[in-house]
Protein backbone atom coordinates (compact mmCIF):
# COMPACT_ATOMS: atom_id res chain seq x y z
CA MET A 1 85.22 210.14 91.59
CA SER A 2 83.38 211.11 94.66
CA GLY A 3 83.94 214.35 96.27
CA ASN A 4 85.67 213.20 99.35
CA ALA A 5 87.97 210.56 97.45
CA THR A 6 90.19 213.17 96.09
CA PHE A 7 91.21 216.87 97.25
CA SER A 8 93.35 219.72 96.11
CA LEU A 9 94.85 222.81 97.98
CA THR A 10 95.52 226.10 96.67
CA ASP A 11 98.02 227.75 98.96
CA THR A 12 99.37 225.35 101.48
CA ALA A 13 102.90 224.14 101.72
CA VAL A 14 105.13 222.12 103.97
CA VAL A 15 107.43 224.73 105.54
CA SER A 16 109.66 222.43 107.20
CA VAL A 17 110.09 218.66 108.11
CA ALA A 18 112.28 217.02 110.58
CA HIS A 19 113.04 213.65 112.23
CA VAL A 20 114.68 212.30 115.41
CA ASP A 21 116.16 208.71 115.73
CA ALA A 22 116.00 206.56 118.57
CA PRO A 23 119.54 205.83 119.92
CA GLU A 24 119.65 202.02 120.63
CA VAL A 25 120.23 199.96 117.56
CA VAL A 26 118.72 196.30 117.76
CA THR A 27 119.47 193.89 114.82
CA SER A 28 117.47 191.17 113.65
CA ALA A 29 120.28 188.72 114.43
CA GLN A 30 119.66 189.46 117.83
CA PHE A 31 116.13 188.58 117.64
CA ASP A 32 117.08 185.55 116.02
CA GLU A 33 119.39 184.53 118.93
CA MET A 34 116.48 185.14 121.45
CA LEU A 35 114.13 182.94 119.47
CA ALA A 36 116.92 180.29 118.60
CA GLU A 37 115.51 177.68 120.94
CA THR A 38 111.76 178.23 119.71
CA TYR A 39 113.12 178.22 115.96
CA GLY A 40 114.92 174.90 116.52
CA ARG A 41 111.75 173.29 118.39
CA VAL A 42 109.26 174.26 115.50
CA ARG A 43 111.94 173.93 112.81
CA ALA A 44 111.70 177.28 111.72
CA GLN A 45 114.46 179.04 109.63
CA PRO A 46 116.25 181.93 111.35
CA GLY A 47 117.18 184.92 109.41
CA MET A 48 113.45 185.58 108.07
CA LEU A 49 113.46 189.14 109.21
CA GLU A 50 116.21 190.02 107.11
CA SER A 51 115.66 187.66 104.31
CA LEU A 52 111.98 188.06 103.80
CA ALA A 53 111.36 191.59 105.13
CA GLY A 54 114.84 193.11 104.30
CA ILE A 55 115.11 194.47 107.78
CA ARG A 56 118.58 194.23 109.39
CA GLU A 57 117.92 196.32 112.30
CA ARG A 58 115.65 198.64 113.83
CA ARG A 59 115.85 201.13 116.89
CA TRP A 60 114.63 201.57 120.61
CA TRP A 61 114.26 204.29 122.83
CA PRO A 62 115.75 204.02 126.27
CA GLU A 63 113.44 202.41 128.92
CA GLY A 64 111.27 205.21 130.26
CA HIS A 65 111.41 207.49 127.30
CA LEU A 66 107.74 208.55 126.24
CA TYR A 67 106.27 208.36 122.95
CA THR A 68 105.34 211.94 123.59
CA ASP A 69 108.93 212.69 124.27
CA ALA A 70 109.86 211.64 120.81
CA ALA A 71 106.95 213.61 119.13
CA ALA A 72 107.94 216.86 121.10
CA ALA A 73 111.61 216.53 120.01
CA ALA A 74 110.73 216.20 116.21
CA GLY A 75 108.29 219.05 116.84
CA ALA A 76 111.03 221.45 118.30
CA LYS A 77 113.31 220.66 115.41
CA ALA A 78 110.61 221.31 112.83
CA ILE A 79 109.68 224.65 114.42
CA GLN A 80 113.33 225.57 114.65
CA ALA A 81 113.91 224.67 111.05
CA SER A 82 110.89 226.75 109.88
CA GLY A 83 111.68 229.74 111.43
CA VAL A 84 108.18 230.27 112.70
CA ARG A 85 107.34 231.32 116.13
CA ALA A 86 105.62 229.08 118.46
CA ASP A 87 102.75 231.74 118.96
CA GLU A 88 102.12 231.67 115.20
CA ILE A 89 101.11 227.94 115.40
CA GLY A 90 97.32 227.55 115.64
CA LEU A 91 97.01 223.93 115.17
CA LEU A 92 98.81 220.90 116.61
CA ILE A 93 97.90 217.46 115.50
CA ASP A 94 99.68 214.26 117.00
CA THR A 95 99.40 211.44 114.80
CA SER A 96 101.13 208.74 116.84
CA VAL A 97 99.87 204.96 116.83
CA CYS A 98 101.70 204.65 120.32
CA ARG A 99 100.17 206.16 123.25
CA ASP A 100 101.43 206.38 126.76
CA ARG A 101 97.90 206.36 128.05
CA LEU A 102 94.37 206.39 126.76
CA GLU A 103 93.43 209.90 128.16
CA PRO A 104 94.13 212.89 127.92
CA SER A 105 95.47 212.97 124.39
CA SER A 106 99.16 212.92 123.35
CA ALA A 107 98.82 216.22 121.65
CA VAL A 108 98.35 218.02 125.17
CA THR A 109 101.56 216.76 126.52
CA VAL A 110 103.38 217.84 123.43
CA HIS A 111 101.63 221.39 123.36
CA ASN A 112 102.89 221.87 126.87
CA ALA A 113 106.46 220.49 126.21
CA LEU A 114 106.77 223.23 123.17
CA ASP A 115 105.10 225.96 125.12
CA LEU A 116 102.57 226.39 122.42
CA PRO A 117 99.92 229.10 122.97
CA SER A 118 96.63 228.63 124.50
CA TRP A 119 94.95 229.53 121.05
CA CYS A 120 96.57 226.64 119.40
CA LEU A 121 94.02 224.15 118.75
CA ASN A 122 95.52 220.52 119.60
CA PHE A 123 94.37 217.04 119.17
CA ASP A 124 95.35 213.49 118.05
CA LEU A 125 94.50 212.02 114.79
CA SER A 126 94.83 208.16 114.56
CA ASN A 127 94.49 206.11 111.43
CA ALA A 128 97.06 203.39 111.77
CA CYS A 129 100.16 204.15 109.43
CA LEU A 130 98.35 206.92 107.52
CA GLY A 131 97.85 209.34 110.27
CA PHE A 132 100.55 211.81 109.30
CA VAL A 133 99.31 211.83 105.88
CA ASN A 134 95.69 212.42 106.94
CA ALA A 135 96.84 215.23 109.05
CA LEU A 136 98.58 216.90 106.29
CA GLN A 137 95.27 217.10 104.55
CA VAL A 138 93.46 218.39 107.62
CA ALA A 139 95.94 221.03 108.23
CA GLY A 140 96.16 222.10 104.74
CA ASN A 141 92.32 222.71 104.71
CA MET A 142 92.48 224.89 107.68
CA VAL A 143 95.39 226.93 106.19
CA ASP A 144 93.58 227.30 102.90
CA THR A 145 90.35 228.56 104.57
CA GLY A 146 92.24 231.06 106.72
CA GLN A 147 91.44 229.44 110.11
CA ILE A 148 95.01 229.09 110.94
CA ASP A 149 98.33 230.59 109.72
CA TYR A 150 100.68 227.42 110.65
CA ALA A 151 100.10 223.89 111.83
CA LEU A 152 102.49 221.60 113.57
CA ILE A 153 102.02 217.82 112.77
CA VAL A 154 104.02 215.49 115.03
CA ASP A 155 104.54 211.78 115.54
CA GLY A 156 106.45 209.60 118.07
CA GLU A 157 106.52 205.93 117.80
CA GLY A 158 108.44 203.15 119.87
CA SER A 159 108.67 199.53 119.35
CA ARG A 160 110.44 198.43 122.68
CA LEU A 161 107.84 197.52 124.65
CA ILE A 162 105.65 195.38 122.10
CA GLN A 163 108.82 193.59 120.76
CA GLU A 164 110.09 192.69 124.30
CA LYS A 165 106.65 191.31 125.03
CA THR A 166 106.32 189.52 121.69
CA LEU A 167 109.93 188.09 122.00
CA ALA A 168 109.02 186.85 125.66
CA ARG A 169 106.02 185.09 124.30
CA LEU A 170 107.54 183.61 121.36
CA SER A 171 110.33 182.37 123.37
CA GLY A 172 107.83 180.36 125.54
CA PRO A 173 107.66 176.50 125.47
CA ASP A 174 104.09 176.71 123.96
CA ALA A 175 105.07 178.89 121.19
CA THR A 176 104.16 177.59 117.75
CA MET A 177 104.82 178.20 114.13
CA ALA A 178 101.57 179.71 113.74
CA ASP A 179 102.37 182.24 116.65
CA ILE A 180 105.58 183.14 114.76
CA PHE A 181 103.79 183.83 111.59
CA ALA A 182 100.81 185.75 113.52
CA GLU A 183 103.39 188.07 115.17
CA PHE A 184 106.01 188.20 112.60
CA ALA A 185 104.95 191.75 111.56
CA THR A 186 105.53 193.13 115.13
CA LEU A 187 109.19 192.16 115.00
CA THR A 188 109.56 194.45 111.81
CA LEU A 189 108.32 197.68 113.81
CA GLY A 190 110.70 200.47 114.59
CA SER A 191 111.07 203.62 116.69
CA GLY A 192 111.55 207.33 115.86
CA GLY A 193 109.83 210.77 115.79
CA ALA A 194 108.72 213.06 112.89
CA ALA A 195 107.32 216.50 112.46
CA ALA A 196 106.33 219.03 109.81
CA VAL A 197 105.20 222.58 109.98
CA VAL A 198 102.56 223.52 107.52
CA GLY A 199 101.69 227.03 106.11
CA ARG A 200 100.90 229.25 103.38
CA HIS A 201 102.99 228.65 100.20
CA SER A 202 102.68 232.39 99.22
CA GLU A 203 103.96 233.62 102.64
CA ASN A 204 106.84 231.24 103.15
CA PRO A 205 109.60 231.54 100.25
CA GLY A 206 111.21 228.20 99.66
CA SER A 207 108.38 226.03 101.09
CA HIS A 208 107.07 223.13 99.47
CA ARG A 209 103.48 223.29 97.96
CA VAL A 210 101.02 220.65 98.66
CA VAL A 211 99.23 220.14 95.42
CA ALA A 212 96.43 217.34 95.78
CA GLY A 213 95.81 214.10 97.12
CA VAL A 214 93.59 210.76 96.70
CA ALA A 215 92.24 208.17 99.18
CA ARG A 216 90.57 204.72 98.91
CA ALA A 217 89.37 202.48 101.56
CA ASP A 218 88.15 198.74 101.68
CA THR A 219 87.36 198.42 105.30
CA SER A 220 86.10 194.80 104.92
CA HIS A 221 89.93 193.95 105.75
CA HIS A 222 89.54 195.76 109.15
CA ASP A 223 90.46 192.57 111.10
CA LEU A 224 93.77 191.47 109.11
CA CYS A 225 96.05 193.51 111.68
CA VAL A 226 94.59 194.07 115.11
CA GLY A 227 97.22 195.49 117.67
CA SER A 228 97.59 197.01 121.11
CA LEU A 229 100.61 198.10 122.94
CA ASP A 230 101.16 194.42 124.30
CA GLN A 231 100.53 192.44 121.24
CA MET A 232 99.81 192.85 117.42
CA ARG A 233 98.62 189.86 115.30
CA THR A 234 98.67 190.14 111.67
CA ASP A 235 97.61 187.99 108.67
CA SER A 236 100.75 189.45 106.70
CA LYS A 237 100.04 187.69 103.43
CA ALA A 238 96.31 188.60 103.36
CA LEU A 239 97.20 192.10 104.59
CA LEU A 240 99.78 192.51 101.79
CA ASP A 241 97.50 191.37 98.97
CA ALA A 242 94.60 193.38 100.12
CA GLY A 243 96.67 196.63 100.59
CA LEU A 244 98.10 196.20 97.13
CA LEU A 245 94.59 195.98 95.73
CA VAL A 246 93.39 199.18 97.64
CA THR A 247 96.47 200.73 96.49
CA LYS A 248 95.94 199.94 92.87
CA MET A 249 92.36 201.18 93.21
CA ALA A 250 93.60 204.73 94.26
CA TRP A 251 96.43 204.69 91.87
CA GLY A 252 94.07 203.69 88.91
CA ASP A 253 91.82 206.49 89.76
CA ALA A 254 94.62 209.19 90.20
CA ALA A 255 97.83 208.36 88.16
CA GLU A 256 96.74 209.53 84.81
CA GLU A 257 94.57 212.36 85.85
CA MET A 258 97.07 213.93 88.34
CA GLY A 259 100.08 212.85 86.41
CA TRP A 260 101.72 210.52 88.93
CA THR A 261 103.44 208.00 86.56
CA ASP A 262 106.68 209.89 86.43
CA MET A 263 107.45 211.69 89.71
CA ASP A 264 110.95 212.77 90.72
CA ARG A 265 110.66 210.86 94.03
CA TYR A 266 108.35 208.42 95.72
CA ILE A 267 108.04 208.69 99.52
CA VAL A 268 106.44 205.47 100.43
CA HIS A 269 105.39 203.98 103.78
CA GLN A 270 108.27 201.61 104.80
CA VAL A 271 106.87 198.13 105.39
CA SER A 272 109.16 195.61 103.89
CA GLN A 273 111.32 194.54 101.09
CA VAL A 274 108.52 192.38 99.59
CA HIS A 275 105.92 195.06 99.75
CA THR A 276 107.93 197.82 98.15
CA GLN A 277 109.00 195.57 95.32
CA MET A 278 105.39 194.29 94.60
CA MET A 279 103.99 197.72 94.93
CA CYS A 280 106.45 199.30 92.45
CA GLU A 281 105.95 196.27 90.02
CA MET A 282 102.03 196.49 90.22
CA LEU A 283 102.26 200.36 89.69
CA GLY A 284 104.96 200.73 87.06
CA ILE A 285 107.09 202.80 89.42
CA ASP A 286 110.98 202.87 89.13
CA ILE A 287 112.15 201.53 92.38
CA ALA A 288 115.39 203.71 91.88
CA LYS A 289 113.06 206.60 92.55
CA VAL A 290 111.86 205.17 96.03
CA PRO A 291 114.27 205.84 98.96
CA LEU A 292 114.41 203.02 101.48
CA THR A 293 114.61 203.34 105.36
CA PHE A 294 113.14 200.09 106.33
CA PRO A 295 116.34 198.19 106.09
CA PHE A 296 117.80 200.01 109.11
CA LEU A 297 114.69 201.62 110.75
CA GLY A 298 112.05 199.02 110.24
CA ASN A 299 108.40 200.07 109.91
CA VAL A 300 108.18 203.18 112.14
CA GLY A 301 104.20 203.32 111.61
CA PRO A 302 102.97 206.77 110.46
CA ALA A 303 106.30 208.33 111.38
CA SER A 304 107.83 206.46 108.39
CA ILE A 305 106.80 208.65 105.64
CA PRO A 306 107.88 211.92 107.16
CA ILE A 307 111.13 210.37 108.53
CA THR A 308 112.06 209.29 104.81
CA LEU A 309 111.01 212.63 103.47
CA SER A 310 113.24 214.38 106.02
CA ARG A 311 116.15 212.19 105.17
CA GLU A 312 115.74 213.21 101.53
CA VAL A 313 115.68 216.84 101.95
CA ASP A 314 119.15 217.58 100.96
CA SER A 315 118.76 215.57 97.90
CA LEU A 316 115.80 217.12 96.57
CA GLU A 317 115.68 220.33 94.44
CA ALA A 318 113.13 223.13 93.72
CA GLY A 319 110.40 221.91 91.50
CA ASP A 320 110.84 218.16 92.04
CA ARG A 321 107.59 216.41 92.15
CA VAL A 322 107.41 214.26 95.29
CA LEU A 323 104.52 211.84 96.03
CA LEU A 324 103.76 210.63 99.58
CA MET A 325 102.14 207.14 99.41
CA GLY A 326 100.92 205.00 102.32
CA ILE A 327 98.67 202.10 103.25
CA GLY A 328 97.11 201.79 106.76
CA SER A 329 95.72 198.64 108.13
CA GLY A 330 91.99 198.73 108.16
CA ILE A 331 92.53 199.11 105.13
CA ASN A 332 93.12 202.54 103.72
CA ALA A 333 95.39 203.88 100.90
CA SER A 334 96.46 207.52 100.33
CA GLY A 335 98.61 209.59 98.12
CA ILE A 336 99.57 213.46 98.31
CA GLU A 337 101.62 215.19 95.84
CA LEU A 338 104.34 217.89 97.02
CA ILE A 339 106.20 220.26 94.55
CA TRP A 340 109.42 220.78 96.25
């Protein structure tokens, strides 16, 4: 395997992980009601979001709530849970897909909101739904090399704006069945925030060591899911098929060598019922070891892995092997092992 496809870390750990939930619950049945006229006109079957994707509901932030507000709130919770002082944090990475603006970075607003020190390096890292996983590797390398003592990784996502605009378009008199299929994935999105503090395992008793990871890419599929804050158009079937192939490529190189075939928990990116079932069948993963959040949160982008991990904290025991697994449109696939 090539040198940049796999990595290992020697003394990096997740010190804390936290999440914040958006307060407004929006059901898939509500979406069906909004689209009832279009469904009737194009002879579409209501209930597809729940029957096909397995998503009953998702959450929205109140109008005016910024994505950086969500990221900062999660970051504050992670810092408090870690016991680390703000002035000890030498790196802040914001991995959000959703952005309130193009410039400056989202990280500067979170940095200011959390009153982090001037010597805390801060920037955004964007890679579709894999941003948080990629940031864990970047932060770990800086911890291992002694450049920083602690890093804070944050993410804030919101689906309200894009879903309101999508529902308005699909409710129009010119919407077709092709439009419904092209924007179906948009209606599976959710809202939430997540954060993790990363530091040295040797200096933080009870922390959770980051062991190693692997990544693979097939960027010939870069046009299967293309989105802005206003609209996302997705070839869902092609994206699913291609994503599974890239995942299998990464898994085939790493599973036996790293012993990933029988982990205690698999924290996977939460896309849909079909995606999760097909991935588990393809890789031979026991689906009982895969906790699910998409039925009630939807796909919260790069926040979905840390949100799901945060929800599992109380059920994990010291020594459990946990694999973080994700696919990002583009297409990239990554896995990172933690020892809890």
